[in-house]
């Protein structure tokens, strides 16, 4: 992300409210921050959109441990009510936080051997 412009006090309060007490509701965050009822959502969001994305990424990162705990709790009690939903939600949060399952492919051959591939066919 490019260099972000510093926010004024109202803009910072707005960004904090979106990921805080407003629970993602932009109009509620605007009210908390003291924006006029006549201010459009676009007018409020446009100058701070990079800050909002950064705050959302931080929110995902802060909830990654909770997702990991939820996932491991399903291992302990797989028959718990909503376990399938917990696994799906935890997978999404962990993927977005950058905690992804590793997939490896192991190829073994005789020691010192070579692979002979068929010739390429012209298309």
PDB file of N, CA and C in Angstrom:
ATOM      1  N   UNK A   1       0.839  -1.165   0.000  1.00  0.00           N
ATOM      2  CA  UNK A   1       0.000   0.000   0.000  1.00  0.00           C
ATOM      3  C   UNK A   1       0.889   1.234   0.000  1.00  0.00           C
ATOM      4  N   UNK A   2       0.468   2.271  -0.666  1.00  0.00           N
ATOM      5  CA  UNK A   2       1.258   3.489  -0.753  1.00  0.00           C
ATOM      6  C   UNK A   2       1.221   4.238   0.583  1.00  0.00           C
ATOM      7  N   UNK A   3       2.015   5.291   0.646  1.00  0.00           N
ATOM      8  CA  UNK A   3       2.061   6.144   1.838  1.00  0.00           C
ATOM      9  C   UNK A   3       0.666   6.683   2.117  1.00  0.00           C
ATOM     10  N   UNK A   4       0.157   6.434   3.319  1.00  0.00           N
ATOM     11  CA  UNK A   4      -1.194   6.889   3.640  1.00  0.00           C
ATOM     12  C   UNK A   4      -1.147   8.258   4.303  1.00  0.00           C
ATOM     13  N   UNK A   5      -2.083   9.092   3.917  1.00  0.00           N
ATOM     14  CA  UNK A   5      -2.204  10.432   4.462  1.00  0.00           C
ATOM     15  C   UNK A   5      -2.686  10.333   5.912  1.00  0.00           C
ATOM     16  N   UNK A   6      -2.106  11.122   6.819  1.00  0.00           N
ATOM     17  CA  UNK A   6      -2.576  11.086   8.210  1.00  0.00           C
ATOM     18  C   UNK A   6      -4.047  11.502   8.299  1.00  0.00           C
ATOM     19  N   UNK A   7      -4.748  10.945   9.255  1.00  0.00           N
ATOM     20  CA  UNK A   7      -6.167  11.244   9.433  1.00  0.00           C
ATOM     21  C   UNK A   7      -6.364  12.358  10.444  1.00  0.00           C
ATOM     22  N   UNK A   8      -7.429  13.128  10.234  1.00  0.00           N
ATOM     23  CA  UNK A   8      -7.788  14.092  11.273  1.00  0.00           C
ATOM     24  C   UNK A   8      -8.538  13.342  12.375  1.00  0.00           C
ATOM     25  N   UNK A   9      -8.868  14.037  13.441  1.00  0.00           N
ATOM     26  CA  UNK A   9      -9.472  13.384  14.609  1.00  0.00           C
ATOM     27  C   UNK A   9     -10.798  12.705  14.268  1.00  0.00           C
ATOM     28  N   UNK A  10     -11.646  13.365  13.487  1.00  0.00           N
ATOM     29  CA  UNK A  10     -12.951  12.794  13.138  1.00  0.00           C
ATOM     30  C   UNK A  10     -12.789  11.563  12.253  1.00  0.00           C
ATOM     31  N   UNK A  11     -11.862  11.628  11.282  1.00  0.00           N
ATOM     32  CA  UNK A  11     -11.624  10.485  10.405  1.00  0.00           C
ATOM     33  C   UNK A  11     -11.113   9.291  11.206  1.00  0.00           C
ATOM     34  N   UNK A  12     -10.201   9.536  12.154  1.00  0.00           N
ATOM     35  CA  UNK A  12      -9.671   8.442  12.968  1.00  0.00           C
ATOM     36  C   UNK A  12     -10.773   7.822  13.819  1.00  0.00           C
ATOM     37  N   UNK A  13     -11.626   8.671  14.374  1.00  0.00           N
ATOM     38  CA  UNK A  13     -12.740   8.168  15.170  1.00  0.00           C
ATOM     39  C   UNK A  13     -13.681   7.328  14.302  1.00  0.00           C
ATOM     40  N   UNK A  14     -13.890   7.763  13.067  1.00  0.00           N
ATOM     41  CA  UNK A  14     -14.731   7.035  12.114  1.00  0.00           C
ATOM     42  C   UNK A  14     -14.155   5.652  11.814  1.00  0.00           C
ATOM     43  N   UNK A  15     -12.874   5.588  11.484  1.00  0.00           N
ATOM     44  CA  UNK A  15     -12.225   4.303  11.175  1.00  0.00           C
ATOM     45  C   UNK A  15     -12.262   3.387  12.401  1.00  0.00           C
ATOM     46  N   UNK A  16     -11.966   3.931  13.572  1.00  0.00           N
ATOM     47  CA  UNK A  16     -11.993   3.126  14.800  1.00  0.00           C
ATOM     48  C   UNK A  16     -13.399   2.596  15.070  1.00  0.00           C
ATOM     49  N   UNK A  17     -14.417   3.427  14.809  1.00  0.00           N
ATOM     50  CA  UNK A  17     -15.794   3.017  15.065  1.00  0.00           C
ATOM     51  C   UNK A  17     -16.252   1.918  14.116  1.00  0.00           C
ATOM     52  N   UNK A  18     -15.805   1.970  12.870  1.00  0.00           N
ATOM     53  CA  UNK A  18     -16.230   0.947  11.896  1.00  0.00           C
ATOM     54  C   UNK A  18     -15.849  -0.451  12.378  1.00  0.00           C
ATOM     55  N   UNK A  19     -14.623  -0.598  12.849  1.00  0.00           N
ATOM     56  CA  UNK A  19     -14.178  -1.927  13.291  1.00  0.00           C
ATOM     57  C   UNK A  19     -14.410  -2.135  14.777  1.00  0.00           C
ATOM     58  N   UNK A  20     -14.983  -1.124  15.428  1.00  0.00           N
ATOM     59  CA  UNK A  20     -15.256  -1.216  16.855  1.00  0.00           C
ATOM     60  C   UNK A  20     -16.743  -1.249  17.142  1.00  0.00           C
ATOM     61  N   UNK A  21     -17.201  -0.206  17.846  1.00  0.00           N
ATOM     62  CA  UNK A  21     -18.569  -0.220  18.353  1.00  0.00           C
ATOM     63  C   UNK A  21     -19.649  -0.197  17.275  1.00  0.00           C
ATOM     64  N   UNK A  22     -19.351   0.286  16.078  1.00  0.00           N
ATOM     65  CA  UNK A  22     -20.355   0.290  14.996  1.00  0.00           C
ATOM     66  C   UNK A  22     -20.480  -1.086  14.353  1.00  0.00           C
ATOM     67  N   UNK A  23     -19.535  -1.967  14.607  1.00  0.00           N
ATOM     68  CA  UNK A  23     -19.624  -3.337  14.093  1.00  0.00           C
ATOM     69  C   UNK A  23     -19.696  -3.434  12.589  1.00  0.00           C
ATOM     70  N   UNK A  24     -19.017  -2.512  11.880  1.00  0.00           N
ATOM     71  CA  UNK A  24     -19.011  -2.558  10.425  1.00  0.00           C
ATOM     72  C   UNK A  24     -20.086  -1.717   9.767  1.00  0.00           C
ATOM     73  N   UNK A  25     -20.989  -1.153  10.534  1.00  0.00           N
ATOM     74  CA  UNK A  25     -22.069  -0.318   9.995  1.00  0.00           C
ATOM     75  C   UNK A  25     -21.506   1.082   9.733  1.00  0.00           C
ATOM     76  N   UNK A  26     -21.357   1.429   8.460  1.00  0.00           N
ATOM     77  CA  UNK A  26     -20.713   2.697   8.089  1.00  0.00           C
ATOM     78  C   UNK A  26     -21.509   3.899   8.579  1.00  0.00           C
ATOM     79  N   UNK A  27     -22.811   3.891   8.402  1.00  0.00           N
ATOM     80  CA  UNK A  27     -23.625   5.039   8.830  1.00  0.00           C
ATOM     81  C   UNK A  27     -23.540   5.203  10.348  1.00  0.00           C
ATOM     82  N   UNK A  28     -23.567   4.110  11.097  1.00  0.00           N
ATOM     83  CA  UNK A  28     -23.438   4.199  12.557  1.00  0.00           C
ATOM     84  C   UNK A  28     -22.060   4.755  12.937  1.00  0.00           C
ATOM     85  N   UNK A  29     -21.017   4.343  12.226  1.00  0.00           N
ATOM     86  CA  UNK A  29     -19.668   4.855  12.494  1.00  0.00           C
ATOM     87  C   UNK A  29     -19.601   6.350  12.189  1.00  0.00           C
ATOM     88  N   UNK A  30     -20.283   6.773  11.142  1.00  0.00           N
ATOM     89  CA  UNK A  30     -20.324   8.199  10.805  1.00  0.00           C
ATOM     90  C   UNK A  30     -21.012   8.994  11.919  1.00  0.00           C
ATOM     91  N   UNK A  31     -22.089   8.451  12.461  1.00  0.00           N
ATOM     92  CA  UNK A  31     -22.795   9.111  13.560  1.00  0.00           C
ATOM     93  C   UNK A  31     -21.896   9.207  14.792  1.00  0.00           C
ATOM     94  N   UNK A  32     -21.206   8.130  15.110  1.00  0.00           N
ATOM     95  CA  UNK A  32     -20.299   8.105  16.267  1.00  0.00           C
ATOM     96  C   UNK A  32     -19.188   9.136  16.106  1.00  0.00           C
ATOM     97  N   UNK A  33     -18.677   9.253  14.876  1.00  0.00           N
ATOM     98  CA  UNK A  33     -17.567  10.165  14.616  1.00  0.00           C
ATOM     99  C   UNK A  33     -18.013  11.622  14.501  1.00  0.00           C
ATOM    100  N   UNK A  34     -19.314  11.859  14.405  1.00  0.00           N
ATOM    101  CA  UNK A  34     -19.813  13.222  14.363  1.00  0.00           C
ATOM    102  C   UNK A  34     -20.006  13.801  12.979  1.00  0.00           C
ATOM    103  N   UNK A  35     -20.136  12.943  11.975  1.00  0.00           N
ATOM    104  CA  UNK A  35     -20.417  13.441  10.621  1.00  0.00           C
ATOM    105  C   UNK A  35     -21.864  13.922  10.546  1.00  0.00           C
ATOM    106  N   UNK A  36     -22.122  14.883   9.692  1.00  0.00           N
ATOM    107  CA  UNK A  36     -23.460  15.404   9.468  1.00  0.00           C
ATOM    108  C   UNK A  36     -24.330  14.322   8.830  1.00  0.00           C
ATOM    109  N   UNK A  37     -25.626  14.397   9.092  1.00  0.00           N
ATOM    110  CA  UNK A  37     -26.582  13.467   8.467  1.00  0.00           C
ATOM    111  C   UNK A  37     -26.616  13.663   6.952  1.00  0.00           C
ATOM    112  N   UNK A  38     -26.164  14.823   6.481  1.00  0.00           N
ATOM    113  CA  UNK A  38     -26.178  15.128   5.050  1.00  0.00           C
ATOM    114  C   UNK A  38     -24.904  14.656   4.340  1.00  0.00           C
ATOM    115  N   UNK A  39     -23.908  14.203   5.096  1.00  0.00           N
ATOM    116  CA  UNK A  39     -22.672  13.697   4.499  1.00  0.00           C
ATOM    117  C   UNK A  39     -22.958  12.326   3.896  1.00  0.00           C
ATOM    118  N   UNK A  40     -22.582  12.142   2.645  1.00  0.00           N
ATOM    119  CA  UNK A  40     -22.809  10.839   2.005  1.00  0.00           C
ATOM    120  C   UNK A  40     -21.756   9.845   2.492  1.00  0.00           C
ATOM    121  N   UNK A  41     -22.089   8.583   2.369  1.00  0.00           N
ATOM    122  CA  UNK A  41     -21.153   7.532   2.761  1.00  0.00           C
ATOM    123  C   UNK A  41     -19.879   7.645   1.935  1.00  0.00           C
ATOM    124  N   UNK A  42     -20.029   7.907   0.642  1.00  0.00           N
ATOM    125  CA  UNK A  42     -18.859   8.031  -0.227  1.00  0.00           C
ATOM    126  C   UNK A  42     -17.941   9.159   0.238  1.00  0.00           C
ATOM    127  N   UNK A  43     -18.523  10.287   0.629  1.00  0.00           N
ATOM    128  CA  UNK A  43     -17.720  11.421   1.097  1.00  0.00           C
ATOM    129  C   UNK A  43     -16.920  11.066   2.351  1.00  0.00           C
ATOM    130  N   UNK A  44     -17.486  10.235   3.196  1.00  0.00           N
ATOM    131  CA  UNK A  44     -16.796   9.852   4.426  1.00  0.00           C
ATOM    132  C   UNK A  44     -15.753   8.771   4.183  1.00  0.00           C
ATOM    133  N   UNK A  45     -16.073   7.809   3.312  1.00  0.00           N
ATOM    134  CA  UNK A  45     -15.202   6.651   3.108  1.00  0.00           C
ATOM    135  C   UNK A  45     -14.032   6.937   2.170  1.00  0.00           C
ATOM    136  N   UNK A  46     -14.264   7.664   1.101  1.00  0.00           N
ATOM    137  CA  UNK A  46     -13.238   7.881   0.065  1.00  0.00           C
ATOM    138  C   UNK A  46     -11.880   8.315   0.627  1.00  0.00           C
ATOM    139  N   UNK A  47     -11.823   9.333   1.500  1.00  0.00           N
ATOM    140  CA  UNK A  47     -10.503   9.779   1.963  1.00  0.00           C
ATOM    141  C   UNK A  47      -9.816   8.809   2.929  1.00  0.00           C
ATOM    142  N   UNK A  48     -10.566   7.853   3.475  1.00  0.00           N
ATOM    143  CA  UNK A  48      -9.988   6.965   4.495  1.00  0.00           C
ATOM    144  C   UNK A  48     -10.018   5.491   4.095  1.00  0.00           C
ATOM    145  N   UNK A  49     -10.321   5.209   2.831  1.00  0.00           N
ATOM    146  CA  UNK A  49     -10.524   3.815   2.427  1.00  0.00           C
ATOM    147  C   UNK A  49      -9.302   2.933   2.703  1.00  0.00           C
ATOM    148  N   UNK A  50      -8.094   3.443   2.473  1.00  0.00           N
ATOM    149  CA  UNK A  50      -6.899   2.637   2.749  1.00  0.00           C
ATOM    150  C   UNK A  50      -6.767   2.332   4.241  1.00  0.00           C
ATOM    151  N   UNK A  51      -7.143   3.301   5.065  1.00  0.00           N
ATOM    152  CA  UNK A  51      -7.099   3.101   6.521  1.00  0.00           C
ATOM    153  C   UNK A  51      -8.148   2.076   6.953  1.00  0.00           C
ATOM    154  N   UNK A  52      -9.305   2.085   6.287  1.00  0.00           N
ATOM    155  CA  UNK A  52     -10.355   1.113   6.606  1.00  0.00           C
ATOM    156  C   UNK A  52      -9.885  -0.301   6.255  1.00  0.00           C
ATOM    157  N   UNK A  53      -9.263  -0.448   5.090  1.00  0.00           N
ATOM    158  CA  UNK A  53      -8.748  -1.759   4.675  1.00  0.00           C
ATOM    159  C   UNK A  53      -7.679  -2.233   5.660  1.00  0.00           C
ATOM    160  N   UNK A  54      -6.791  -1.332   6.050  1.00  0.00           N
ATOM    161  CA  UNK A  54      -5.751  -1.693   7.018  1.00  0.00           C
ATOM    162  C   UNK A  54      -6.368  -2.113   8.356  1.00  0.00           C
ATOM    163  N   UNK A  55      -7.399  -1.397   8.800  1.00  0.00           N
ATOM    164  CA  UNK A  55      -8.074  -1.742  10.051  1.00  0.00           C
ATOM    165  C   UNK A  55      -8.761  -3.104   9.941  1.00  0.00           C
ATOM    166  N   UNK A  56      -9.349  -3.391   8.784  1.00  0.00           N
ATOM    167  CA  UNK A  56      -9.999  -4.695   8.570  1.00  0.00           C
ATOM    168  C   UNK A  56      -8.962  -5.820   8.587  1.00  0.00           C
ATOM    169  N   UNK A  57      -7.807  -5.572   7.958  1.00  0.00           N
ATOM    170  CA  UNK A  57      -6.743  -6.581   7.973  1.00  0.00           C
ATOM    171  C   UNK A  57      -6.264  -6.821   9.396  1.00  0.00           C
ATOM    172  N   UNK A  58      -6.149  -5.758  10.176  1.00  0.00           N
ATOM    173  CA  UNK A  58      -5.745  -5.904  11.578  1.00  0.00           C
ATOM    174  C   UNK A  58      -6.785  -6.687  12.360  1.00  0.00           C
ATOM    175  N   UNK A  59      -8.048  -6.433  12.069  1.00  0.00           N
ATOM    176  CA  UNK A  59      -9.130  -7.150  12.745  1.00  0.00           C
ATOM    177  C   UNK A  59      -9.056  -8.649  12.444  1.00  0.00           C
ATOM    178  N   UNK A  60      -8.793  -8.991  11.186  1.00  0.00           N
ATOM    179  CA  UNK A  60      -8.638 -10.400  10.807  1.00  0.00           C
ATOM    180  C   UNK A  60      -7.452 -11.006  11.555  1.00  0.00           C
ATOM    181  N   UNK A  61      -6.333 -10.289  11.577  1.00  0.00           N
ATOM    182  CA  UNK A  61      -5.134 -10.792  12.262  1.00  0.00           C
ATOM    183  C   UNK A  61      -5.396 -10.983  13.757  1.00  0.00           C
ATOM    184  N   UNK A  62      -6.122 -10.059  14.356  1.00  0.00           N
ATOM    185  CA  UNK A  62      -6.399 -10.162  15.790  1.00  0.00           C
ATOM    186  C   UNK A  62      -7.350 -11.315  16.109  1.00  0.00           C
ATOM    187  N   UNK A  63      -8.159 -11.721  15.134  1.00  0.00           N
ATOM    188  CA  UNK A  63      -9.102 -12.812  15.373  1.00  0.00           C
ATOM    189  C   UNK A  63      -8.588 -14.169  14.901  1.00  0.00           C
ATOM    190  N   UNK A  64      -7.416 -14.204  14.295  1.00  0.00           N
ATOM    191  CA  UNK A  64      -6.833 -15.478  13.859  1.00  0.00           C
ATOM    192  C   UNK A  64      -6.625 -16.447  15.029  1.00  0.00           C
ATOM    193  N   UNK A  65      -6.124 -15.990  16.177  1.00  0.00           N
ATOM    194  CA  UNK A  65      -5.986 -16.933  17.290  1.00  0.00           C
ATOM    195  C   UNK A  65      -7.324 -17.514  17.742  1.00  0.00           C
ATOM    196  N   UNK A  66      -8.372 -16.684  17.738  1.00  0.00           N
ATOM    197  CA  UNK A  66      -9.700 -17.166  18.119  1.00  0.00           C
ATOM    198  C   UNK A  66     -10.179 -18.233  17.131  1.00  0.00           C
ATOM    199  N   UNK A  67      -9.890 -18.025  15.855  1.00  0.00           N
ATOM    200  CA  UNK A  67     -10.259 -19.006  14.831  1.00  0.00           C
ATOM    201  C   UNK A  67      -9.496 -20.305  15.042  1.00  0.00           C
ATOM    202  N   UNK A  68      -8.221 -20.191  15.366  1.00  0.00           N
ATOM    203  CA  UNK A  68      -7.407 -21.392  15.601  1.00  0.00           C
ATOM    204  C   UNK A  68      -7.919 -22.162  16.816  1.00  0.00           C
ATOM    205  N   UNK A  69      -8.279 -21.448  17.868  1.00  0.00           N
ATOM    206  CA  UNK A  69      -8.822 -22.111  19.063  1.00  0.00           C
ATOM    207  C   UNK A  69     -10.140 -22.787  18.732  1.00  0.00           C
ATOM    208  N   UNK A  70     -11.006 -22.105  17.981  1.00  0.00           N
ATOM    209  CA  UNK A  70     -12.285 -22.701  17.584  1.00  0.00           C
ATOM    210  C   UNK A  70     -12.082 -23.966  16.778  1.00  0.00           C
ATOM    211  N   UNK A  71     -11.099 -23.940  15.897  1.00  0.00           N
ATOM    212  CA  UNK A  71     -10.797 -25.106  15.066  1.00  0.00           C
ATOM    213  C   UNK A  71     -10.312 -26.275  15.923  1.00  0.00           C
ATOM    214  N   UNK A  72      -9.424 -25.972  16.845  1.00  0.00           N
ATOM    215  CA  UNK A  72      -8.914 -27.054  17.699  1.00  0.00           C
ATOM    216  C   UNK A  72      -9.969 -27.544  18.688  1.00  0.00           C
ATOM    217  N   UNK A  73     -10.923 -26.685  19.074  1.00  0.00           N
ATOM    218  CA  UNK A  73     -12.014 -27.141  19.939  1.00  0.00           C
ATOM    219  C   UNK A  73     -12.899 -28.154  19.223  1.00  0.00           C
ATOM    220  N   UNK A  74     -13.031 -28.024  17.918  1.00  0.00           N
ATOM    221  CA  UNK A  74     -13.812 -28.986  17.139  1.00  0.00           C
ATOM    222  C   UNK A  74     -13.118 -30.350  17.155  1.00  0.00           C
ATOM    223  N   UNK A  75     -11.804 -30.346  17.199  1.00  0.00           N
ATOM    224  CA  UNK A  75     -11.066 -31.616  17.298  1.00  0.00           C
ATOM    225  C   UNK A  75     -11.417 -32.318  18.602  1.00  0.00           C
ATOM    226  N   UNK A  76     -11.522 -31.540  19.679  1.00  0.00           N
ATOM    227  CA  UNK A  76     -11.854 -32.095  20.991  1.00  0.00           C
ATOM    228  C   UNK A  76     -13.290 -32.600  21.041  1.00  0.00           C
ATOM    229  N   UNK A  77     -14.209 -31.842  20.437  1.00  0.00           N
ATOM    230  CA  UNK A  77     -15.626 -32.205  20.469  1.00  0.00           C
ATOM    231  C   UNK A  77     -16.240 -32.020  19.082  1.00  0.00           C
ATOM    232  N   UNK A  78     -15.982 -32.975  18.165  1.00  0.00           N
ATOM    233  CA  UNK A  78     -16.477 -32.829  16.792  1.00  0.00           C
ATOM    234  C   UNK A  78     -17.996 -32.881  16.667  1.00  0.00           C
ATOM    235  N   UNK A  79     -18.694 -33.373  17.682  1.00  0.00           N
ATOM    236  CA  UNK A  79     -20.151 -33.463  17.600  1.00  0.00           C
ATOM    237  C   UNK A  79     -20.831 -32.217  18.166  1.00  0.00           C
ATOM    238  N   UNK A  80     -20.056 -31.219  18.551  1.00  0.00           N
ATOM    239  CA  UNK A  80     -20.630 -29.988  19.114  1.00  0.00           C
ATOM    240  C   UNK A  80     -21.540 -29.317  18.084  1.00  0.00           C
ATOM    241  N   UNK A  81     -22.574 -28.677  18.588  1.00  0.00           N
ATOM    242  CA  UNK A  81     -23.531 -27.991  17.739  1.00  0.00           C
ATOM    243  C   UNK A  81     -22.822 -26.907  16.932  1.00  0.00           C
ATOM    244  N   UNK A  82     -22.988 -26.930  15.619  1.00  0.00           N
ATOM    245  CA  UNK A  82     -22.397 -25.912  14.753  1.00  0.00           C
ATOM    246  C   UNK A  82     -20.930 -26.130  14.434  1.00  0.00           C
ATOM    247  N   UNK A  83     -20.401 -27.313  14.697  1.00  0.00           N
ATOM    248  CA  UNK A  83     -18.979 -27.577  14.463  1.00  0.00           C
ATOM    249  C   UNK A  83     -18.595 -27.352  13.008  1.00  0.00           C
ATOM    250  N   UNK A  84     -19.464 -27.728  12.111  1.00  0.00           N
ATOM    251  CA  UNK A  84     -19.180 -27.546  10.685  1.00  0.00           C
ATOM    252  C   UNK A  84     -19.051 -26.065  10.337  1.00  0.00           C
ATOM    253  N   UNK A  85     -19.931 -25.243  10.919  1.00  0.00           N
ATOM    254  CA  UNK A  85     -19.867 -23.791  10.688  1.00  0.00           C
ATOM    255  C   UNK A  85     -18.606 -23.190  11.301  1.00  0.00           C
ATOM    256  N   UNK A  86     -18.219 -23.677  12.471  1.00  0.00           N
ATOM    257  CA  UNK A  86     -16.999 -23.191  13.124  1.00  0.00           C
ATOM    258  C   UNK A  86     -15.791 -23.488  12.251  1.00  0.00           C
ATOM    259  N   UNK A  87     -15.725 -24.693  11.706  1.00  0.00           N
ATOM    260  CA  UNK A  87     -14.597 -25.069  10.842  1.00  0.00           C
ATOM    261  C   UNK A  87     -14.567 -24.180   9.597  1.00  0.00           C
ATOM    262  N   UNK A  88     -15.714 -23.965   8.978  1.00  0.00           N
ATOM    263  CA  UNK A  88     -15.760 -23.139   7.765  1.00  0.00           C
ATOM    264  C   UNK A  88     -15.345 -21.701   8.062  1.00  0.00           C
ATOM    265  N   UNK A  89     -15.869 -21.128   9.140  1.00  0.00           N
ATOM    266  CA  UNK A  89     -15.531 -19.744   9.493  1.00  0.00           C
ATOM    267  C   UNK A  89     -14.058 -19.639   9.880  1.00  0.00           C
ATOM    268  N   UNK A  90     -13.564 -20.584  10.656  1.00  0.00           N
ATOM    269  CA  UNK A  90     -12.160 -20.560  11.071  1.00  0.00           C
ATOM    270  C   UNK A  90     -11.238 -20.676   9.867  1.00  0.00           C
ATOM    271  N   UNK A  91     -11.593 -21.528   8.919  1.00  0.00           N
ATOM    272  CA  UNK A  91     -10.782 -21.687   7.710  1.00  0.00           C
ATOM    273  C   UNK A  91     -10.685 -20.369   6.945  1.00  0.00           C
ATOM    274  N   UNK A  92     -11.812 -19.680   6.799  1.00  0.00           N
ATOM    275  CA  UNK A  92     -11.830 -18.403   6.084  1.00  0.00           C
ATOM    276  C   UNK A  92     -10.975 -17.351   6.786  1.00  0.00           C
ATOM    277  N   UNK A  93     -11.126 -17.238   8.093  1.00  0.00           N
ATOM    278  CA  UNK A  93     -10.343 -16.247   8.848  1.00  0.00           C
ATOM    279  C   UNK A  93      -8.859 -16.574   8.762  1.00  0.00           C
ATOM    280  N   UNK A  94      -8.503 -17.827   8.953  1.00  0.00           N
ATOM    281  CA  UNK A  94      -7.091 -18.208   8.923  1.00  0.00           C
ATOM    282  C   UNK A  94      -6.498 -18.034   7.528  1.00  0.00           C
ATOM    283  N   UNK A  95      -7.260 -18.345   6.488  1.00  0.00           N
ATOM    284  CA  UNK A  95      -6.775 -18.122   5.119  1.00  0.00           C
ATOM    285  C   UNK A  95      -6.484 -16.646   4.880  1.00  0.00           C
ATOM    286  N   UNK A  96      -7.396 -15.802   5.309  1.00  0.00           N
ATOM    287  CA  UNK A  96      -7.224 -14.362   5.099  1.00  0.00           C
ATOM    288  C   UNK A  96      -6.112 -13.777   5.962  1.00  0.00           C
ATOM    289  N   UNK A  97      -5.834 -14.425   7.084  1.00  0.00           N
ATOM    290  CA  UNK A  97      -4.739 -13.976   7.949  1.00  0.00           C
ATOM    291  C   UNK A  97      -3.394 -14.494   7.459  1.00  0.00           C
ATOM    292  N   UNK A  98      -3.424 -15.370   6.469  1.00  0.00           N
ATOM    293  CA  UNK A  98      -2.177 -15.887   5.913  1.00  0.00           C
ATOM    294  C   UNK A  98      -1.733 -17.207   6.508  1.00  0.00           C
ATOM    295  N   UNK A  99      -2.573 -17.811   7.344  1.00  0.00           N
ATOM    296  CA  UNK A  99      -2.264 -19.118   7.917  1.00  0.00           C
ATOM    297  C   UNK A  99      -2.953 -20.150   7.033  1.00  0.00           C
ATOM    298  N   UNK A 100      -2.214 -20.707   6.098  1.00  0.00           N
ATOM    299  CA  UNK A 100      -2.809 -21.627   5.141  1.00  0.00           C
ATOM    300  C   UNK A 100      -2.195 -23.011   5.300  1.00  0.00           C
ATOM    301  N   UNK A 101      -2.973 -24.014   4.940  1.00  0.00           N
ATOM    302  CA  UNK A 101      -2.440 -25.365   5.029  1.00  0.00           C
ATOM    303  C   UNK A 101      -1.376 -25.544   3.957  1.00  0.00           C
ATOM    304  N   UNK A 102      -0.410 -26.337   4.280  1.00  0.00           N
ATOM    305  CA  UNK A 102       0.690 -26.574   3.347  1.00  0.00           C
ATOM    306  C   UNK A 102       0.415 -27.834   2.554  1.00  0.00           C
ATOM    307  N   UNK A 103       0.643 -27.720   1.280  1.00  0.00           N
ATOM    308  CA  UNK A 103       0.511 -28.875   0.414  1.00  0.00           C
ATOM    309  C   UNK A 103       1.862 -29.126  -0.216  1.00  0.00           C
ATOM    310  N   UNK A 104       2.321 -30.350  -0.106  1.00  0.00           N
ATOM    311  CA  UNK A 104       3.619 -30.688  -0.682  1.00  0.00           C
ATOM    312  C   UNK A 104       3.457 -31.858  -1.627  1.00  0.00           C
ATOM    313  N   UNK A 105       4.326 -31.908  -2.568  1.00  0.00           N
ATOM    314  CA  UNK A 105       4.343 -32.997  -3.523  1.00  0.00           C
ATOM    315  C   UNK A 105       5.740 -33.584  -3.480  1.00  0.00           C
ATOM    316  N   UNK A 106       5.811 -34.850  -3.171  1.00  0.00           N
ATOM    317  CA  UNK A 106       7.111 -35.493  -3.081  1.00  0.00           C
ATOM    318  C   UNK A 106       7.271 -36.436  -4.258  1.00  0.00           C
ATOM    319  N   UNK A 107       8.342 -36.262  -4.988  1.00  0.00           N
ATOM    320  CA  UNK A 107       8.634 -37.107  -6.130  1.00  0.00           C
ATOM    321  C   UNK A 107       9.918 -37.856  -5.819  1.00  0.00           C
ATOM    322  N   UNK A 108       9.855 -39.175  -5.889  1.00  0.00           N
ATOM    323  CA  UNK A 108      11.045 -39.988  -5.620  1.00  0.00           C
ATOM    324  C   UNK A 108      11.385 -40.808  -6.852  1.00  0.00           C
ATOM    325  N   UNK A 109      12.627 -40.972  -7.034  1.00  0.00           N
ATOM    326  CA  UNK A 109      13.085 -41.785  -8.148  1.00  0.00           C
ATOM    327  C   UNK A 109      14.350 -42.517  -7.728  1.00  0.00           C
ATOM    328  N   UNK A 110      14.852 -43.355  -8.585  1.00  0.00           N
ATOM    329  CA  UNK A 110      16.087 -44.047  -8.235  1.00  0.00           C
ATOM    330  C   UNK A 110      17.216 -43.031  -8.075  1.00  0.00           C
ATOM    331  N   UNK A 111      18.100 -43.321  -7.152  1.00  0.00           N
ATOM    332  CA  UNK A 111      19.237 -42.419  -6.915  1.00  0.00           C
ATOM    333  C   UNK A 111      20.048 -42.268  -8.193  1.00  0.00           C
ATOM    334  N   UNK A 112      20.349 -41.039  -8.526  1.00  0.00           N
ATOM    335  CA  UNK A 112      21.181 -40.782  -9.692  1.00  0.00           C
ATOM    336  C   UNK A 112      20.478 -41.020 -11.012  1.00  0.00           C
ATOM    337  N   UNK A 113      19.186 -41.248 -10.992  1.00  0.00           N
ATOM    338  CA  UNK A 113      18.458 -41.529 -12.215  1.00  0.00           C
ATOM    339  C   UNK A 113      18.084 -40.253 -12.957  1.00  0.00           C
ATOM    340  N   UNK A 114      17.587 -40.434 -14.136  1.00  0.00           N
ATOM    341  CA  UNK A 114      17.105 -39.304 -14.920  1.00  0.00           C
ATOM    342  C   UNK A 114      15.709 -39.636 -15.426  1.00  0.00           C
ATOM    343  N   UNK A 115      14.975 -38.595 -15.720  1.00  0.00           N
ATOM    344  CA  UNK A 115      13.647 -38.770 -16.292  1.00  0.00           C
ATOM    345  C   UNK A 115      13.755 -38.573 -17.793  1.00  0.00           C
ATOM    346  N   UNK A 116      13.125 -39.456 -18.536  1.00  0.00           N
ATOM    347  CA  UNK A 116      13.081 -39.305 -19.987  1.00  0.00           C
ATOM    348  C   UNK A 116      11.644 -38.975 -20.343  1.00  0.00           C
ATOM    349  N   UNK A 117      11.475 -37.788 -20.916  1.00  0.00           N
ATOM    350  CA  UNK A 117      10.143 -37.326 -21.280  1.00  0.00           C
ATOM    351  C   UNK A 117       9.916 -37.558 -22.763  1.00  0.00           C
ATOM    352  N   UNK A 118       8.678 -37.770 -23.158  1.00  0.00           N
ATOM    353  CA  UNK A 118       8.378 -37.938 -24.574  1.00  0.00           C
ATOM    354  C   UNK A 118       8.636 -36.611 -25.300  1.00  0.00           C
ATOM    355  N   UNK A 119       8.893 -36.677 -26.598  1.00  0.00           N
ATOM    356  CA  UNK A 119       9.143 -35.437 -27.352  1.00  0.00           C
ATOM    357  C   UNK A 119       7.891 -34.575 -27.393  1.00  0.00           C
ATOM    358  N   UNK A 120       8.099 -33.261 -27.476  1.00  0.00           N
ATOM    359  CA  UNK A 120       6.977 -32.335 -27.588  1.00  0.00           C
ATOM    360  C   UNK A 120       6.311 -32.508 -28.950  1.00  0.00           C
ATOM    361  N   UNK A 121       4.997 -32.409 -28.923  1.00  0.00           N
ATOM    362  CA  UNK A 121       4.266 -32.495 -30.183  1.00  0.00           C
ATOM    363  C   UNK A 121       3.940 -31.083 -30.645  1.00  0.00           C
ATOM    364  N   UNK A 122       4.088 -30.846 -31.917  1.00  0.00           N
ATOM    365  CA  UNK A 122       3.777 -29.523 -32.431  1.00  0.00           C
ATOM    366  C   UNK A 122       2.267 -29.344 -32.455  1.00  0.00           C
ATOM    367  N   UNK A 123       1.851 -28.123 -32.088  1.00  0.00           N
ATOM    368  CA  UNK A 123       0.421 -27.847 -32.029  1.00  0.00           C
ATOM    369  C   UNK A 123      -0.135 -27.412 -33.350  1.00  0.00           C
TER     370      UNK A 123
END
